[in-house]
C-alpha cells in the first residue's frame, strides 16, 4: 500500500478556485482510477491557504497509472497558477 500526501500552498485570492478544481480531480480519480483506495482533499484548520490531497493506493504501479490518466494530466498542471510557492509531495510505503 502506498500513501501520498500532496500539500499545496495556495494564494489567498485563489483558494476557492483551487478547491473547485481539486474537487473535480478527486471526483474523477475516485470514479475512474483502478487501485484508488482513498483520495481526499483537506484544508488546514489554522491556515486555510494550505490544501492537501491525501491519497491511498493499492500499489505504486496503479499510482503511476493515475498520474498518466487524462484527468490528472489536464487538472494538475493548472494548480501552478494558484500556488504562492511550490508544494510538497511525499510518498509513503506502509511498513506494519
PDB file of N, CA and C in Angstrom:
ATOM      1  N   UNK A   1       0.837  -1.176   0.000  1.00  0.00           N
ATOM      2  CA  UNK A   1       0.000   0.000   0.000  1.00  0.00           C
ATOM      3  C   UNK A   1       0.888   1.247   0.000  1.00  0.00           C
ATOM      4  N   UNK A   2       0.447   2.234  -0.776  1.00  0.00           N
ATOM      5  CA  UNK A   2       1.176   3.497  -0.904  1.00  0.00           C
ATOM      6  C   UNK A   2       0.250   4.633  -0.450  1.00  0.00           C
ATOM      7  N   UNK A   3       0.787   5.516   0.372  1.00  0.00           N
ATOM      8  CA  UNK A   3       0.065   6.740   0.756  1.00  0.00           C
ATOM      9  C   UNK A   3       0.798   7.921   0.137  1.00  0.00           C
ATOM     10  N   UNK A   4       0.027   8.890  -0.316  1.00  0.00           N
ATOM     11  CA  UNK A   4       0.580  10.109  -0.892  1.00  0.00           C
ATOM     12  C   UNK A   4       0.006  11.289  -0.117  1.00  0.00           C
ATOM     13  N   UNK A   5       0.899  12.218   0.254  1.00  0.00           N
ATOM     14  CA  UNK A   5       0.476  13.459   0.893  1.00  0.00           C
ATOM     15  C   UNK A   5       0.986  14.587   0.008  1.00  0.00           C
ATOM     16  N   UNK A   6       0.058  15.267  -0.657  1.00  0.00           N
ATOM     17  CA  UNK A   6       0.407  16.336  -1.601  1.00  0.00           C
ATOM     18  C   UNK A   6      -0.098  17.661  -1.031  1.00  0.00           C
ATOM     19  N   UNK A   7       0.824  18.426  -0.456  1.00  0.00           N
ATOM     20  CA  UNK A   7       0.489  19.690   0.212  1.00  0.00           C
ATOM     21  C   UNK A   7       0.681  20.843  -0.768  1.00  0.00           C
ATOM     22  N   UNK A   8      -0.325  21.712  -0.819  1.00  0.00           N
ATOM     23  CA  UNK A   8      -0.320  22.859  -1.722  1.00  0.00           C
ATOM     24  C   UNK A   8      -0.479  24.150  -0.930  1.00  0.00           C
ATOM     25  N   UNK A   9       0.310  25.153  -1.284  1.00  0.00           N
ATOM     26  CA  UNK A   9       0.254  26.464  -0.644  1.00  0.00           C
ATOM     27  C   UNK A   9      -0.398  27.433  -1.629  1.00  0.00           C
ATOM     28  N   UNK A  10      -1.632  27.778  -1.375  1.00  0.00           N
ATOM     29  CA  UNK A  10      -2.455  28.496  -2.341  1.00  0.00           C
ATOM     30  C   UNK A  10      -2.530  29.987  -2.013  1.00  0.00           C
ATOM     31  N   UNK A  11      -2.515  30.814  -3.068  1.00  0.00           N
ATOM     32  CA  UNK A  11      -2.694  32.261  -2.896  1.00  0.00           C
ATOM     33  C   UNK A  11      -4.055  32.511  -2.253  1.00  0.00           C
ATOM     34  N   UNK A  12      -4.109  33.495  -1.348  1.00  0.00           N
ATOM     35  CA  UNK A  12      -5.342  33.772  -0.597  1.00  0.00           C
ATOM     36  C   UNK A  12      -6.544  34.013  -1.510  1.00  0.00           C
ATOM     37  N   UNK A  13      -6.330  34.715  -2.610  1.00  0.00           N
ATOM     38  CA  UNK A  13      -7.444  35.038  -3.504  1.00  0.00           C
ATOM     39  C   UNK A  13      -7.779  33.917  -4.481  1.00  0.00           C
ATOM     40  N   UNK A  14      -7.067  32.791  -4.386  1.00  0.00           N
ATOM     41  CA  UNK A  14      -7.288  31.671  -5.305  1.00  0.00           C
ATOM     42  C   UNK A  14      -7.785  30.402  -4.610  1.00  0.00           C
ATOM     43  N   UNK A  15      -7.982  30.469  -3.286  1.00  0.00           N
ATOM     44  CA  UNK A  15      -8.356  29.276  -2.533  1.00  0.00           C
ATOM     45  C   UNK A  15      -9.650  28.655  -3.067  1.00  0.00           C
ATOM     46  N   UNK A  16     -10.684  29.455  -3.250  1.00  0.00           N
ATOM     47  CA  UNK A  16     -11.964  28.913  -3.703  1.00  0.00           C
ATOM     48  C   UNK A  16     -11.857  28.275  -5.084  1.00  0.00           C
ATOM     49  N   UNK A  17     -11.132  28.909  -5.985  1.00  0.00           N
ATOM     50  CA  UNK A  17     -10.948  28.353  -7.329  1.00  0.00           C
ATOM     51  C   UNK A  17     -10.165  27.040  -7.275  1.00  0.00           C
ATOM     52  N   UNK A  18      -9.143  27.004  -6.433  1.00  0.00           N
ATOM     53  CA  UNK A  18      -8.353  25.782  -6.290  1.00  0.00           C
ATOM     54  C   UNK A  18      -9.233  24.646  -5.780  1.00  0.00           C
ATOM     55  N   UNK A  19     -10.060  24.940  -4.783  1.00  0.00           N
ATOM     56  CA  UNK A  19     -10.928  23.905  -4.216  1.00  0.00           C
ATOM     57  C   UNK A  19     -11.863  23.328  -5.275  1.00  0.00           C
ATOM     58  N   UNK A  20     -12.436  24.169  -6.110  1.00  0.00           N
ATOM     59  CA  UNK A  20     -13.331  23.691  -7.175  1.00  0.00           C
ATOM     60  C   UNK A  20     -12.587  22.724  -8.101  1.00  0.00           C
ATOM     61  N   UNK A  21     -11.391  23.115  -8.510  1.00  0.00           N
ATOM     62  CA  UNK A  21     -10.597  22.281  -9.418  1.00  0.00           C
ATOM     63  C   UNK A  21     -10.138  20.992  -8.735  1.00  0.00           C
ATOM     64  N   UNK A  22      -9.702  21.096  -7.487  1.00  0.00           N
ATOM     65  CA  UNK A  22      -9.233  19.914  -6.753  1.00  0.00           C
ATOM     66  C   UNK A  22     -10.386  18.935  -6.507  1.00  0.00           C
ATOM     67  N   UNK A  23     -11.572  19.450  -6.238  1.00  0.00           N
ATOM     68  CA  UNK A  23     -12.737  18.570  -6.061  1.00  0.00           C
ATOM     69  C   UNK A  23     -13.024  17.792  -7.336  1.00  0.00           C
ATOM     70  N   UNK A  24     -12.844  18.444  -8.476  1.00  0.00           N
ATOM     71  CA  UNK A  24     -13.038  17.754  -9.758  1.00  0.00           C
ATOM     72  C   UNK A  24     -12.011  16.627  -9.900  1.00  0.00           C
ATOM     73  N   UNK A  25     -10.768  16.899  -9.538  1.00  0.00           N
ATOM     74  CA  UNK A  25      -9.737  15.866  -9.607  1.00  0.00           C
ATOM     75  C   UNK A  25     -10.071  14.702  -8.680  1.00  0.00           C
ATOM     76  N   UNK A  26     -10.508  15.005  -7.471  1.00  0.00           N
ATOM     77  CA  UNK A  26     -10.881  13.951  -6.521  1.00  0.00           C
ATOM     78  C   UNK A  26     -12.007  13.105  -7.106  1.00  0.00           C
ATOM     79  N   UNK A  27     -13.045  13.740  -7.609  1.00  0.00           N
ATOM     80  CA  UNK A  27     -14.193  13.025  -8.150  1.00  0.00           C
ATOM     81  C   UNK A  27     -13.796  12.130  -9.325  1.00  0.00           C
ATOM     82  N   UNK A  28     -13.040  12.685 -10.253  1.00  0.00           N
ATOM     83  CA  UNK A  28     -12.607  11.912 -11.428  1.00  0.00           C
ATOM     84  C   UNK A  28     -11.733  10.724 -11.013  1.00  0.00           C
ATOM     85  N   UNK A  29     -10.843  10.961 -10.075  1.00  0.00           N
ATOM     86  CA  UNK A  29      -9.931   9.900  -9.638  1.00  0.00           C
ATOM     87  C   UNK A  29     -10.694   8.775  -8.966  1.00  0.00           C
ATOM     88  N   UNK A  30     -11.569   9.107  -8.050  1.00  0.00           N
ATOM     89  CA  UNK A  30     -12.334   8.091  -7.327  1.00  0.00           C
ATOM     90  C   UNK A  30     -13.197   7.272  -8.288  1.00  0.00           C
ATOM     91  N   UNK A  31     -13.761   7.922  -9.286  1.00  0.00           N
ATOM     92  CA  UNK A  31     -14.647   7.236 -10.226  1.00  0.00           C
ATOM     93  C   UNK A  31     -13.896   6.403 -11.262  1.00  0.00           C
ATOM     94  N   UNK A  32     -12.713   6.841 -11.666  1.00  0.00           N
ATOM     95  CA  UNK A  32     -12.085   6.252 -12.849  1.00  0.00           C
ATOM     96  C   UNK A  32     -10.801   5.462 -12.620  1.00  0.00           C
ATOM     97  N   UNK A  33     -10.092   5.699 -11.520  1.00  0.00           N
ATOM     98  CA  UNK A  33      -8.752   5.121 -11.396  1.00  0.00           C
ATOM     99  C   UNK A  33      -8.731   3.840 -10.567  1.00  0.00           C
ATOM    100  N   UNK A  34      -8.341   2.754 -11.218  1.00  0.00           N
ATOM    101  CA  UNK A  34      -8.208   1.467 -10.542  1.00  0.00           C
ATOM    102  C   UNK A  34      -7.141   1.561  -9.458  1.00  0.00           C
ATOM    103  N   UNK A  35      -7.388   0.884  -8.363  1.00  0.00           N
ATOM    104  CA  UNK A  35      -6.393   0.813  -7.293  1.00  0.00           C
ATOM    105  C   UNK A  35      -6.447   1.965  -6.312  1.00  0.00           C
ATOM    106  N   UNK A  36      -7.363   2.896  -6.540  1.00  0.00           N
ATOM    107  CA  UNK A  36      -7.510   4.039  -5.629  1.00  0.00           C
ATOM    108  C   UNK A  36      -8.357   3.603  -4.435  1.00  0.00           C
ATOM    109  N   UNK A  37      -7.740   3.576  -3.281  1.00  0.00           N
ATOM    110  CA  UNK A  37      -8.438   3.210  -2.048  1.00  0.00           C
ATOM    111  C   UNK A  37      -9.069   4.449  -1.422  1.00  0.00           C
ATOM    112  N   UNK A  38      -8.323   5.535  -1.442  1.00  0.00           N
ATOM    113  CA  UNK A  38      -8.783   6.791  -0.838  1.00  0.00           C
ATOM    114  C   UNK A  38      -8.131   7.956  -1.560  1.00  0.00           C
ATOM    115  N   UNK A  39      -8.891   9.023  -1.761  1.00  0.00           N
ATOM    116  CA  UNK A  39      -8.386  10.229  -2.434  1.00  0.00           C
ATOM    117  C   UNK A  39      -9.218  11.380  -1.908  1.00  0.00           C
ATOM    118  N   UNK A  40      -8.638  12.176  -0.985  1.00  0.00           N
ATOM    119  CA  UNK A  40      -9.413  13.177  -0.272  1.00  0.00           C
ATOM    120  C   UNK A  40      -8.679  14.517  -0.220  1.00  0.00           C
ATOM    121  N   UNK A  41      -9.461  15.577  -0.202  1.00  0.00           N
ATOM    122  CA  UNK A  41      -8.935  16.936  -0.103  1.00  0.00           C
ATOM    123  C   UNK A  41      -9.172  17.455   1.306  1.00  0.00           C
ATOM    124  N   UNK A  42      -8.115  18.015   1.913  1.00  0.00           N
ATOM    125  CA  UNK A  42      -8.197  18.568   3.263  1.00  0.00           C
ATOM    126  C   UNK A  42      -7.700  20.010   3.258  1.00  0.00           C
ATOM    127  N   UNK A  43      -8.269  20.804   4.164  1.00  0.00           N
ATOM    128  CA  UNK A  43      -7.839  22.190   4.334  1.00  0.00           C
ATOM    129  C   UNK A  43      -7.328  22.348   5.763  1.00  0.00           C
ATOM    130  N   UNK A  44      -6.154  22.950   5.896  1.00  0.00           N
ATOM    131  CA  UNK A  44      -5.550  23.179   7.204  1.00  0.00           C
ATOM    132  C   UNK A  44      -6.458  24.070   8.051  1.00  0.00           C
ATOM    133  N   UNK A  45      -6.676  23.700   9.287  1.00  0.00           N
ATOM    134  CA  UNK A  45      -7.566  24.446  10.178  1.00  0.00           C
ATOM    135  C   UNK A  45      -6.985  25.809  10.536  1.00  0.00           C
ATOM    136  N   UNK A  46      -5.678  25.869  10.755  1.00  0.00           N
ATOM    137  CA  UNK A  46      -5.071  27.134  11.177  1.00  0.00           C
ATOM    138  C   UNK A  46      -4.636  28.015  10.007  1.00  0.00           C
ATOM    139  N   UNK A  47      -4.490  27.432   8.823  1.00  0.00           N
ATOM    140  CA  UNK A  47      -4.102  28.211   7.650  1.00  0.00           C
ATOM    141  C   UNK A  47      -4.900  27.707   6.440  1.00  0.00           C
ATOM    142  N   UNK A  48      -6.015  28.342   6.116  1.00  0.00           N
ATOM    143  CA  UNK A  48      -6.875  27.863   5.034  1.00  0.00           C
ATOM    144  C   UNK A  48      -6.238  27.914   3.646  1.00  0.00           C
ATOM    145  N   UNK A  49      -5.056  28.512   3.548  1.00  0.00           N
ATOM    146  CA  UNK A  49      -4.346  28.534   2.266  1.00  0.00           C
ATOM    147  C   UNK A  49      -3.552  27.248   2.034  1.00  0.00           C
ATOM    148  N   UNK A  50      -3.496  26.379   3.023  1.00  0.00           N
ATOM    149  CA  UNK A  50      -2.807  25.095   2.876  1.00  0.00           C
ATOM    150  C   UNK A  50      -3.854  24.032   2.614  1.00  0.00           C
ATOM    151  N   UNK A  51      -3.835  23.502   1.400  1.00  0.00           N
ATOM    152  CA  UNK A  51      -4.767  22.460   0.988  1.00  0.00           C
ATOM    153  C   UNK A  51      -3.963  21.223   0.605  1.00  0.00           C
ATOM    154  N   UNK A  52      -4.382  20.097   1.130  1.00  0.00           N
ATOM    155  CA  UNK A  52      -3.618  18.871   0.972  1.00  0.00           C
ATOM    156  C   UNK A  52      -4.509  17.761   0.447  1.00  0.00           C
ATOM    157  N   UNK A  53      -4.004  17.057  -0.548  1.00  0.00           N
ATOM    158  CA  UNK A  53      -4.681  15.854  -1.037  1.00  0.00           C
ATOM    159  C   UNK A  53      -3.955  14.667  -0.424  1.00  0.00           C
ATOM    160  N   UNK A  54      -4.728  13.835   0.266  1.00  0.00           N
ATOM    161  CA  UNK A  54      -4.175  12.628   0.879  1.00  0.00           C
ATOM    162  C   UNK A  54      -4.764  11.442   0.131  1.00  0.00           C
ATOM    163  N   UNK A  55      -3.864  10.612  -0.361  1.00  0.00           N
ATOM    164  CA  UNK A  55      -4.260   9.507  -1.236  1.00  0.00           C
ATOM    165  C   UNK A  55      -3.791   8.184  -0.658  1.00  0.00           C
ATOM    166  N   UNK A  56      -4.502   7.128  -1.014  1.00  0.00           N
ATOM    167  CA  UNK A  56      -4.093   5.780  -0.660  1.00  0.00           C
ATOM    168  C   UNK A  56      -4.300   4.896  -1.889  1.00  0.00           C
ATOM    169  N   UNK A  57      -3.242   4.169  -2.257  1.00  0.00           N
ATOM    170  CA  UNK A  57      -3.246   3.353  -3.467  1.00  0.00           C
ATOM    171  C   UNK A  57      -2.857   1.917  -3.140  1.00  0.00           C
ATOM    172  N   UNK A  58      -3.385   0.988  -3.914  1.00  0.00           N
ATOM    173  CA  UNK A  58      -3.047  -0.425  -3.714  1.00  0.00           C
ATOM    174  C   UNK A  58      -1.553  -0.671  -3.905  1.00  0.00           C
ATOM    175  N   UNK A  59      -0.966  -0.012  -4.920  1.00  0.00           N
ATOM    176  CA  UNK A  59       0.472  -0.187  -5.160  1.00  0.00           C
ATOM    177  C   UNK A  59       0.993   0.958  -6.036  1.00  0.00           C
ATOM    178  N   UNK A  60       2.290   1.013  -6.182  1.00  0.00           N
ATOM    179  CA  UNK A  60       2.949   2.105  -6.909  1.00  0.00           C
ATOM    180  C   UNK A  60       2.597   2.074  -8.398  1.00  0.00           C
ATOM    181  N   UNK A  61       2.446   0.896  -8.975  1.00  0.00           N
ATOM    182  CA  UNK A  61       2.110   0.802 -10.400  1.00  0.00           C
ATOM    183  C   UNK A  61       0.761   1.461 -10.694  1.00  0.00           C
ATOM    184  N   UNK A  62      -0.226   1.244  -9.811  1.00  0.00           N
ATOM    185  CA  UNK A  62      -1.541   1.850 -10.019  1.00  0.00           C
ATOM    186  C   UNK A  62      -1.499   3.354  -9.764  1.00  0.00           C
ATOM    187  N   UNK A  63      -0.653   3.794  -8.844  1.00  0.00           N
ATOM    188  CA  UNK A  63      -0.445   5.233  -8.651  1.00  0.00           C
ATOM    189  C   UNK A  63       0.154   5.846  -9.912  1.00  0.00           C
ATOM    190  N   UNK A  64       1.117   5.162 -10.499  1.00  0.00           N
ATOM    191  CA  UNK A  64       1.724   5.658 -11.743  1.00  0.00           C
ATOM    192  C   UNK A  64       0.698   5.770 -12.863  1.00  0.00           C
ATOM    193  N   UNK A  65      -0.214   4.812 -12.950  1.00  0.00           N
ATOM    194  CA  UNK A  65      -1.276   4.880 -13.958  1.00  0.00           C
ATOM    195  C   UNK A  65      -2.162   6.098 -13.723  1.00  0.00           C
ATOM    196  N   UNK A  66      -2.454   6.380 -12.468  1.00  0.00           N
ATOM    197  CA  UNK A  66      -3.243   7.563 -12.119  1.00  0.00           C
ATOM    198  C   UNK A  66      -2.545   8.829 -12.625  1.00  0.00           C
ATOM    199  N   UNK A  67      -1.247   8.904 -12.429  1.00  0.00           N
ATOM    200  CA  UNK A  67      -0.514  10.107 -12.824  1.00  0.00           C
ATOM    201  C   UNK A  67      -0.404  10.257 -14.340  1.00  0.00           C
ATOM    202  N   UNK A  68      -0.730   9.212 -15.076  1.00  0.00           N
ATOM    203  CA  UNK A  68      -0.737   9.325 -16.537  1.00  0.00           C
ATOM    204  C   UNK A  68      -2.166   9.408 -17.095  1.00  0.00           C
ATOM    205  N   UNK A  69      -3.146   9.419 -16.191  1.00  0.00           N
ATOM    206  CA  UNK A  69      -4.548   9.497 -16.616  1.00  0.00           C
ATOM    207  C   UNK A  69      -4.860  10.877 -17.187  1.00  0.00           C
ATOM    208  N   UNK A  70      -5.818  10.915 -18.109  1.00  0.00           N
ATOM    209  CA  UNK A  70      -6.197  12.153 -18.781  1.00  0.00           C
ATOM    210  C   UNK A  70      -6.597  13.245 -17.784  1.00  0.00           C
ATOM    211  N   UNK A  71      -7.446  12.916 -16.831  1.00  0.00           N
ATOM    212  CA  UNK A  71      -7.909  13.925 -15.877  1.00  0.00           C
ATOM    213  C   UNK A  71      -6.761  14.473 -15.028  1.00  0.00           C
ATOM    214  N   UNK A  72      -5.812  13.634 -14.651  1.00  0.00           N
ATOM    215  CA  UNK A  72      -4.658  14.092 -13.875  1.00  0.00           C
ATOM    216  C   UNK A  72      -3.805  15.042 -14.711  1.00  0.00           C
ATOM    217  N   UNK A  73      -3.519  14.632 -15.944  1.00  0.00           N
ATOM    218  CA  UNK A  73      -2.666  15.444 -16.825  1.00  0.00           C
ATOM    219  C   UNK A  73      -3.314  16.777 -17.207  1.00  0.00           C
ATOM    220  N   UNK A  74      -4.628  16.838 -17.203  1.00  0.00           N
ATOM    221  CA  UNK A  74      -5.327  18.081 -17.540  1.00  0.00           C
ATOM    222  C   UNK A  74      -5.453  19.022 -16.336  1.00  0.00           C
ATOM    223  N   UNK A  75      -5.716  18.468 -15.152  1.00  0.00           N
ATOM    224  CA  UNK A  75      -6.019  19.294 -13.990  1.00  0.00           C
ATOM    225  C   UNK A  75      -4.775  19.710 -13.207  1.00  0.00           C
ATOM    226  N   UNK A  76      -3.902  18.789 -12.904  1.00  0.00           N
ATOM    227  CA  UNK A  76      -2.758  19.094 -12.023  1.00  0.00           C
ATOM    228  C   UNK A  76      -1.884  20.233 -12.552  1.00  0.00           C
ATOM    229  N   UNK A  77      -1.571  20.311 -13.831  1.00  0.00           N
ATOM    230  CA  UNK A  77      -0.766  21.452 -14.293  1.00  0.00           C
ATOM    231  C   UNK A  77      -1.423  22.814 -14.033  1.00  0.00           C
ATOM    232  N   UNK A  78      -2.749  22.842 -13.953  1.00  0.00           N
ATOM    233  CA  UNK A  78      -3.454  24.096 -13.681  1.00  0.00           C
ATOM    234  C   UNK A  78      -3.234  24.585 -12.251  1.00  0.00           C
ATOM    235  N   UNK A  79      -2.910  23.678 -11.342  1.00  0.00           N
ATOM    236  CA  UNK A  79      -2.681  24.053  -9.946  1.00  0.00           C
ATOM    237  C   UNK A  79      -1.574  25.095  -9.802  1.00  0.00           C
ATOM    238  N   UNK A  80      -0.590  25.069 -10.688  1.00  0.00           N
ATOM    239  CA  UNK A  80       0.530  26.002 -10.605  1.00  0.00           C
ATOM    240  C   UNK A  80       0.112  27.453 -10.628  1.00  0.00           C
ATOM    241  N   UNK A  81      -0.971  27.765 -11.291  1.00  0.00           N
ATOM    242  CA  UNK A  81      -1.450  29.131 -11.351  1.00  0.00           C
ATOM    243  C   UNK A  81      -2.099  29.615 -10.063  1.00  0.00           C
ATOM    244  N   UNK A  82      -2.339  28.696  -9.135  1.00  0.00           N
ATOM    245  CA  UNK A  82      -2.983  29.040  -7.868  1.00  0.00           C
ATOM    246  C   UNK A  82      -2.008  29.114  -6.699  1.00  0.00           C
ATOM    247  N   UNK A  83      -0.813  28.625  -6.890  1.00  0.00           N
ATOM    248  CA  UNK A  83       0.102  28.487  -5.757  1.00  0.00           C
ATOM    249  C   UNK A  83       0.952  29.724  -5.530  1.00  0.00           C
ATOM    250  N   UNK A  84       1.260  29.963  -4.246  1.00  0.00           N
ATOM    251  CA  UNK A  84       2.149  31.073  -3.915  1.00  0.00           C
ATOM    252  C   UNK A  84       3.583  30.605  -3.747  1.00  0.00           C
ATOM    253  N   UNK A  85       3.763  29.291  -3.612  1.00  0.00           N
ATOM    254  CA  UNK A  85       5.103  28.696  -3.578  1.00  0.00           C
ATOM    255  C   UNK A  85       4.957  27.223  -3.913  1.00  0.00           C
ATOM    256  N   UNK A  86       6.063  26.565  -4.271  1.00  0.00           N
ATOM    257  CA  UNK A  86       5.970  25.156  -4.634  1.00  0.00           C
ATOM    258  C   UNK A  86       5.408  24.302  -3.498  1.00  0.00           C
ATOM    259  N   UNK A  87       4.645  23.313  -3.877  1.00  0.00           N
ATOM    260  CA  UNK A  87       4.080  22.387  -2.898  1.00  0.00           C
ATOM    261  C   UNK A  87       5.060  21.286  -2.534  1.00  0.00           C
ATOM    262  N   UNK A  88       4.597  20.391  -1.709  1.00  0.00           N
ATOM    263  CA  UNK A  88       5.407  19.256  -1.280  1.00  0.00           C
ATOM    264  C   UNK A  88       4.582  17.982  -1.483  1.00  0.00           C
ATOM    265  N   UNK A  89       5.199  16.988  -2.087  1.00  0.00           N
ATOM    266  CA  UNK A  89       4.544  15.708  -2.263  1.00  0.00           C
ATOM    267  C   UNK A  89       5.440  14.616  -1.698  1.00  0.00           C
ATOM    268  N   UNK A  90       4.872  13.823  -0.791  1.00  0.00           N
ATOM    269  CA  UNK A  90       5.616  12.721  -0.201  1.00  0.00           C
ATOM    270  C   UNK A  90       4.854  11.428  -0.436  1.00  0.00           C
ATOM    271  N   UNK A  91       5.587  10.367  -0.779  1.00  0.00           N
ATOM    272  CA  UNK A  91       5.021   9.040  -0.939  1.00  0.00           C
ATOM    273  C   UNK A  91       5.492   8.188   0.236  1.00  0.00           C
ATOM    274  N   UNK A  92       4.560   7.454   0.817  1.00  0.00           N
ATOM    275  CA  UNK A  92       4.869   6.610   1.964  1.00  0.00           C
ATOM    276  C   UNK A  92       4.469   5.184   1.672  1.00  0.00           C
ATOM    277  N   UNK A  93       5.306   4.264   2.107  1.00  0.00           N
ATOM    278  CA  UNK A  93       5.025   2.842   1.977  1.00  0.00           C
ATOM    279  C   UNK A  93       4.695   2.303   3.351  1.00  0.00           C
ATOM    280  N   UNK A  94       3.614   1.558   3.472  1.00  0.00           N
ATOM    281  CA  UNK A  94       3.208   1.005   4.748  1.00  0.00           C
ATOM    282  C   UNK A  94       4.187  -0.102   5.171  1.00  0.00           C
ATOM    283  N   UNK A  95       4.650  -0.004   6.395  1.00  0.00           N
ATOM    284  CA  UNK A  95       5.594  -1.000   6.911  1.00  0.00           C
ATOM    285  C   UNK A  95       4.917  -2.036   7.804  1.00  0.00           C
ATOM    286  N   UNK A  96       4.004  -1.593   8.627  1.00  0.00           N
ATOM    287  CA  UNK A  96       3.271  -2.530   9.506  1.00  0.00           C
ATOM    288  C   UNK A  96       1.815  -2.152   9.568  1.00  0.00           C
TER     289      UNK A  96
END
